[in-house]
N, C-alpha and C. Protein backbone atom coordinates (compact mmCIF):
# COMPACT_ATOMS: atom_id res chain seq x y z
N UNK A 1 43.11 142.23 66.58
CA UNK A 1 42.15 143.47 65.53
C UNK A 1 43.40 144.89 65.12
N UNK A 2 42.87 145.09 64.07
CA UNK A 2 43.38 146.60 63.63
C UNK A 2 42.88 147.76 64.17
N UNK A 3 42.54 148.95 64.36
CA UNK A 3 41.55 149.48 64.72
C UNK A 3 41.38 150.49 63.21
N UNK A 4 40.19 150.76 62.37
CA UNK A 4 39.48 151.46 61.59
C UNK A 4 39.48 152.77 61.86
N UNK A 5 39.24 153.42 60.82
CA UNK A 5 39.49 155.07 60.33
C UNK A 5 37.81 155.37 60.24
N UNK A 6 36.84 154.71 61.28
CA UNK A 6 35.46 155.27 61.65
C UNK A 6 35.13 154.91 63.44
N UNK A 7 35.03 156.27 63.31
CA UNK A 7 34.46 156.38 65.01
C UNK A 7 33.46 155.78 65.32
N UNK A 8 33.76 154.95 66.02
CA UNK A 8 32.55 153.78 66.81
C UNK A 8 32.21 152.37 66.62
N UNK A 9 33.61 152.10 65.60
CA UNK A 9 33.95 150.55 64.82
C UNK A 9 33.91 149.70 66.19
N UNK A 10 33.59 148.74 66.32
CA UNK A 10 33.85 147.82 67.23
C UNK A 10 35.84 147.66 67.41
N UNK A 11 36.11 147.77 66.05
CA UNK A 11 37.37 147.77 66.31
C UNK A 11 38.37 148.16 67.32
N UNK A 12 37.56 149.59 67.36
CA UNK A 12 38.56 150.33 68.61
C UNK A 12 38.50 149.55 69.93
N UNK A 13 37.93 148.69 69.93
CA UNK A 13 37.46 148.14 71.25
C UNK A 13 38.86 146.73 71.53
N UNK A 14 39.99 146.95 71.48
CA UNK A 14 40.68 145.89 71.82
C UNK A 14 39.80 144.68 72.92
N UNK A 15 39.78 145.29 73.97
CA UNK A 15 39.22 144.35 74.72
C UNK A 15 37.92 143.61 74.12
N UNK A 16 37.37 143.87 73.81
CA UNK A 16 36.23 143.41 73.28
C UNK A 16 36.33 141.57 72.63
N UNK A 17 38.00 141.96 72.01
CA UNK A 17 38.25 140.47 71.48
C UNK A 17 40.08 139.67 72.38
N UNK A 18 40.23 140.66 73.11
CA UNK A 18 41.22 140.24 73.54
C UNK A 18 40.92 139.03 74.98
N UNK A 19 41.67 137.64 74.61
CA UNK A 19 41.12 136.60 75.13
C UNK A 19 41.81 136.27 76.80
N UNK A 20 42.69 137.94 77.03
CA UNK A 20 44.00 137.45 78.77
C UNK A 20 44.64 137.21 78.22
N UNK A 21 45.40 138.18 79.53
CA UNK A 21 47.39 137.76 79.37
C UNK A 21 47.64 136.22 79.80
N UNK A 22 46.89 135.66 80.44
CA UNK A 22 46.34 134.07 80.21
C UNK A 22 47.52 133.31 79.30
N UNK A 23 46.61 134.08 77.79
CA UNK A 23 46.84 132.98 76.67
C UNK A 23 47.56 134.03 74.88
N UNK A 24 48.25 134.97 75.73
CA UNK A 24 48.87 135.60 75.17
C UNK A 24 49.94 136.08 75.35
N UNK A 25 50.90 135.86 74.24
CA UNK A 25 52.66 136.36 74.92
C UNK A 25 52.98 137.83 73.90
N UNK A 26 52.12 138.25 72.89
CA UNK A 26 52.36 139.26 72.29
C UNK A 26 51.15 140.42 71.80
N UNK A 27 51.03 141.32 72.42
CA UNK A 27 49.68 142.05 71.69
C UNK A 27 50.19 142.89 70.13
N UNK A 28 49.16 142.50 69.40
CA UNK A 28 50.03 143.06 67.79
C UNK A 28 48.25 144.31 67.53
N UNK A 29 49.09 145.21 66.73
CA UNK A 29 47.66 145.93 66.14
C UNK A 29 48.71 145.68 64.92
N UNK A 30 47.32 146.07 63.89
CA UNK A 30 48.31 146.06 62.26
C UNK A 30 47.27 147.47 61.85
N UNK A 31 47.81 148.57 61.41
CA UNK A 31 48.50 149.67 60.97
C UNK A 31 48.28 149.87 59.76
N UNK A 32 47.56 150.21 59.08
CA UNK A 32 46.88 151.58 57.88
C UNK A 32 46.89 152.76 57.49
N UNK A 33 47.19 152.79 56.56
CA UNK A 33 46.14 154.62 56.61
C UNK A 33 47.22 155.60 57.40
N UNK A 34 48.55 155.21 57.61
CA UNK A 34 49.51 156.01 58.44
C UNK A 34 48.98 156.63 59.63
N UNK A 35 47.60 155.76 60.43
CA UNK A 35 46.97 155.38 61.66
C UNK A 35 47.91 155.43 63.32
N UNK A 36 48.83 155.69 63.33
CA UNK A 36 49.53 156.05 64.25
C UNK A 36 49.42 156.27 66.04
N UNK A 37 47.96 156.79 65.43
CA UNK A 37 47.54 157.63 66.89
C UNK A 37 47.91 156.63 68.22
N UNK A 38 47.57 157.47 68.91
CA UNK A 38 48.79 157.00 70.77
C UNK A 38 47.45 156.66 71.26
N UNK A 39 46.79 157.01 71.01
CA UNK A 39 45.24 156.37 71.41
C UNK A 39 45.24 154.77 71.59
N UNK A 40 45.80 154.24 70.31
CA UNK A 40 45.60 153.12 69.77
C UNK A 40 47.42 152.48 70.30
N UNK A 41 48.04 153.27 70.72
CA UNK A 41 49.37 152.67 71.10
C UNK A 41 49.16 151.85 73.12
N UNK A 42 48.44 153.03 73.03
CA UNK A 42 48.33 153.20 74.62
C UNK A 42 47.06 152.24 75.63
N UNK A 43 46.29 152.01 74.64
CA UNK A 43 45.07 150.94 74.82
C UNK A 43 45.19 149.05 74.84
N UNK A 44 46.56 149.11 73.82
CA UNK A 44 47.41 147.80 73.51
C UNK A 44 48.64 147.57 74.99
N UNK A 45 49.14 148.90 75.64
CA UNK A 45 50.21 148.61 76.60
C UNK A 45 49.07 148.43 77.97
N UNK A 46 48.18 149.48 78.08
CA UNK A 46 46.99 149.05 79.04
C UNK A 46 47.06 147.90 79.51
N UNK A 47 46.16 147.05 78.49
CA UNK A 47 45.86 145.77 77.98
C UNK A 47 46.39 144.69 78.23
N UNK A 48 47.86 144.74 77.78
CA UNK A 48 48.76 143.88 77.74
C UNK A 48 49.83 144.31 79.29
N UNK A 49 49.01 144.70 79.96
CA UNK A 49 50.31 144.75 81.79
C UNK A 49 51.24 144.37 81.15
N UNK A 50 51.65 145.25 80.23
CA UNK A 50 53.26 145.09 80.15
C UNK A 50 54.39 143.63 79.96
N UNK A 51 52.51 143.67 78.34
CA UNK A 51 53.27 141.79 77.86
C UNK A 51 54.18 142.72 76.32
N UNK A 52 54.85 142.53 75.65
CA UNK A 52 55.02 143.33 74.61
C UNK A 52 53.74 143.73 73.34
N UNK A 53 54.28 144.48 73.29
CA UNK A 53 53.11 144.96 72.02
C UNK A 53 54.23 145.07 70.59
N UNK A 54 53.65 144.69 69.29
CA UNK A 54 53.87 144.71 68.24
C UNK A 54 52.87 145.15 66.87
N UNK A 55 53.90 146.48 66.13
CA UNK A 55 52.81 146.28 64.93
C UNK A 55 53.07 145.69 63.72
N UNK A 56 51.66 144.48 63.95
CA UNK A 56 51.54 143.25 63.12
C UNK A 56 51.72 143.57 61.55
N UNK A 57 51.02 144.18 61.26
CA UNK A 57 50.92 144.77 60.06
C UNK A 57 50.84 146.48 59.48
N UNK A 58 52.10 146.91 58.89
CA UNK A 58 51.96 148.36 59.03
C UNK A 58 51.92 148.46 57.22
N UNK A 59 51.35 149.22 56.58
CA UNK A 59 51.44 149.87 54.99
C UNK A 59 52.05 150.59 54.92
N UNK A 60 52.26 152.43 55.58
CA UNK A 60 53.34 153.11 55.74
C UNK A 60 54.52 152.41 56.77
N UNK A 61 54.90 153.18 56.53
CA UNK A 61 56.73 152.42 57.62
C UNK A 61 55.98 153.54 58.77
N UNK A 62 56.50 153.31 60.14
CA UNK A 62 56.26 154.32 61.00
C UNK A 62 57.08 155.15 60.63
N UNK A 63 57.48 156.68 61.10
CA UNK A 63 58.40 157.48 61.03
C UNK A 63 59.31 157.31 62.39
N UNK A 64 60.67 157.85 62.41
CA UNK A 64 61.41 158.09 64.21
C UNK A 64 60.43 158.23 64.90
N UNK A 65 60.11 159.61 64.32
CA UNK A 65 59.19 160.76 65.14
C UNK A 65 57.96 159.87 66.29
N UNK A 66 57.54 158.56 65.31
CA UNK A 66 56.48 157.74 66.11
C UNK A 66 57.20 156.95 66.90
N UNK A 67 58.43 156.68 66.42
CA UNK A 67 59.07 155.25 67.47
C UNK A 67 59.93 155.91 68.86
N UNK A 68 60.41 156.97 68.66
CA UNK A 68 60.74 157.56 69.71
C UNK A 68 59.39 158.17 70.85
N UNK A 69 58.18 158.91 70.18
CA UNK A 69 56.38 158.99 70.83
C UNK A 69 56.68 157.65 71.42
N UNK A 70 56.45 156.42 70.73
CA UNK A 70 56.04 155.23 71.08
C UNK A 70 56.90 154.10 71.08
N UNK A 71 58.14 153.81 71.89
CA UNK A 71 59.37 153.44 71.85
C UNK A 71 58.76 151.78 72.44
N UNK A 72 57.59 151.64 73.23
CA UNK A 72 57.43 150.08 73.25
C UNK A 72 57.47 149.38 71.82
N UNK A 73 56.96 149.75 71.36
CA UNK A 73 56.95 149.14 69.98
C UNK A 73 57.78 147.85 69.71
N UNK A 74 57.86 146.74 69.44
CA UNK A 74 58.86 145.47 69.79
C UNK A 74 59.76 145.17 67.88
N UNK A 75 58.26 145.40 67.64
CA UNK A 75 58.80 145.19 66.62
C UNK A 75 57.63 145.65 65.09
N UNK A 76 57.85 145.80 64.26
CA UNK A 76 56.80 146.16 62.59
C UNK A 76 57.14 145.16 61.54
N UNK A 77 56.12 145.70 60.51
CA UNK A 77 55.95 144.24 59.65
C UNK A 77 55.34 144.78 58.48
N UNK A 78 56.16 145.09 57.45
CA UNK A 78 55.37 145.22 56.34
C UNK A 78 55.11 144.25 55.15
N UNK A 79 54.51 144.45 54.16
CA UNK A 79 54.10 143.83 53.21
C UNK A 79 55.22 144.29 52.15
N UNK A 80 55.63 143.15 51.65
CA UNK A 80 56.93 143.60 50.46
C UNK A 80 56.47 144.16 49.53
N UNK A 81 54.49 144.30 49.20
CA UNK A 81 54.92 144.71 48.03
C UNK A 81 54.46 146.88 48.43
N UNK A 82 54.39 147.03 50.18
CA UNK A 82 54.09 148.08 49.81
C UNK A 82 55.65 148.77 50.77
N UNK A 83 56.79 148.33 50.96
CA UNK A 83 58.13 148.41 50.85
C UNK A 83 58.88 149.12 49.91
N UNK A 84 58.18 148.77 49.03
CA UNK A 84 58.65 149.54 47.02
C UNK A 84 57.67 150.39 46.77
N UNK A 85 56.85 150.54 47.68
CA UNK A 85 55.59 151.70 46.94
C UNK A 85 55.50 152.89 47.32
N UNK A 86 54.91 154.09 46.58
CA UNK A 86 54.39 155.52 46.96
C UNK A 86 54.30 155.63 48.48
N UNK A 87 53.77 155.16 49.02
CA UNK A 87 54.15 154.98 50.28
C UNK A 87 55.15 154.95 51.14
N UNK A 88 56.50 154.30 50.72
CA UNK A 88 56.97 155.00 51.44
C UNK A 88 58.61 154.70 50.08
N UNK A 89 59.09 156.08 49.96
CA UNK A 89 60.02 156.44 49.37
C UNK A 89 61.66 155.30 49.42
N UNK A 90 62.28 155.33 49.25
CA UNK A 90 63.49 154.81 48.58
C UNK A 90 64.56 155.53 50.70
N UNK A 91 63.65 156.86 50.51
CA UNK A 91 65.07 157.35 50.94
C UNK A 91 64.49 157.15 52.49
N UNK A 92 62.84 156.99 52.87
CA UNK A 92 62.39 157.37 53.37
C UNK A 92 62.71 156.04 54.71
N UNK A 93 62.93 154.38 53.46
CA UNK A 93 63.27 152.90 53.98
C UNK A 93 64.55 152.94 54.32
N UNK A 94 65.14 154.10 53.71
CA UNK A 94 66.94 153.79 54.18
C UNK A 94 67.28 154.00 55.76
N UNK A 95 66.29 155.99 55.98
CA UNK A 95 66.41 156.02 57.21
C UNK A 95 66.02 156.00 57.96
N UNK A 96 64.48 154.93 57.61
CA UNK A 96 64.37 154.31 58.85
C UNK A 96 64.54 153.00 59.26
N UNK A 97 65.33 152.12 58.77
CA UNK A 97 66.26 150.85 58.58
C UNK A 97 67.53 151.84 59.16
N UNK A 98 68.59 152.30 59.40
CA UNK A 98 69.35 153.56 59.71
C UNK A 98 68.78 153.93 60.72
N UNK A 99 67.95 153.96 61.40
CA UNK A 99 68.17 154.75 62.53
C UNK A 99 68.31 153.62 64.02
N UNK A 100 68.98 154.06 65.24
CA UNK A 100 69.60 153.37 65.96
C UNK A 100 68.25 152.74 67.09
N UNK A 101 67.10 153.58 66.83
CA UNK A 101 66.29 152.59 67.27
C UNK A 101 65.44 151.97 66.88
N UNK A 102 66.31 150.76 65.34
CA UNK A 102 65.51 150.31 64.48
C UNK A 102 66.87 149.05 64.25
N UNK A 103 66.78 147.39 65.14
CA UNK A 103 67.41 146.48 64.52
C UNK A 103 67.42 145.73 62.99
N UNK A 104 68.10 145.68 62.75
CA UNK A 104 68.02 144.85 61.27
C UNK A 104 68.65 142.87 61.61
N UNK A 105 68.28 142.27 60.90
CA UNK A 105 69.06 141.22 61.02
C UNK A 105 70.36 141.27 61.42
N UNK A 106 70.52 141.85 60.70
CA UNK A 106 72.92 141.99 60.51
C UNK A 106 73.44 142.13 61.45
N UNK A 107 72.24 143.07 62.66
CA UNK A 107 72.81 143.77 63.56
C UNK A 107 72.66 142.02 65.21
N UNK A 108 71.52 141.41 64.42
CA UNK A 108 71.24 140.26 66.52
C UNK A 108 72.08 138.88 65.58
N UNK A 109 72.50 138.28 66.69
CA UNK A 109 72.84 136.93 66.11
C UNK A 109 72.60 135.64 67.78
N UNK A 110 72.37 134.82 67.54
CA UNK A 110 72.23 134.20 68.56
C UNK A 110 73.34 133.03 69.03
N UNK A 111 73.77 133.00 70.18
CA UNK A 111 74.58 132.15 70.33
C UNK A 111 74.21 131.04 70.83
N UNK A 112 75.77 129.69 71.31
CA UNK A 112 75.32 128.21 70.96
C UNK A 112 74.18 127.69 71.82
N UNK A 113 73.46 128.69 73.39
CA UNK A 113 72.56 128.30 73.74
C UNK A 113 71.41 128.55 73.35
N UNK A 114 70.95 129.52 72.22
CA UNK A 114 70.30 129.90 71.30
C UNK A 114 69.45 131.39 72.37
N UNK A 115 70.23 132.02 73.00
CA UNK A 115 70.40 133.60 73.43
C UNK A 115 70.60 133.96 72.43
N UNK A 116 69.93 135.68 72.09
CA UNK A 116 69.79 136.49 71.43
C UNK A 116 70.56 137.40 71.45
N UNK A 117 71.46 138.27 70.97
CA UNK A 117 72.48 139.58 71.33
C UNK A 117 71.91 140.01 70.43
N UNK A 118 72.61 141.32 70.66
CA UNK A 118 72.95 142.33 69.38
C UNK A 118 73.78 143.14 69.49
N UNK A 119 75.06 142.92 68.55
CA UNK A 119 76.33 143.39 67.50
C UNK A 119 76.39 144.51 68.55
């Protein structure tokens, strides 16, 4: 469930839709409109009680400063048409994916036992 830009909207209340830690491995939020508020991040962390949190869908990619201020995000995903849009100019995309805070597919591998490693 993704918060929307409308105070009082039921989407702000993640706990209303959360089935509980016994049923969830990862908590994710859809973030559009560059709405990377700390309150959304903090709500997911508190609700998950140590479970990973992720940006399930984003429009505008998070900035380096967002990832620094909110370091517990496990991953982010943007739709193909957003990554090549006015919301994500090439310079910003290159800078983000070059950041030491971001791992890309070429930087990880799986060993013969199926364990993941960072190169």
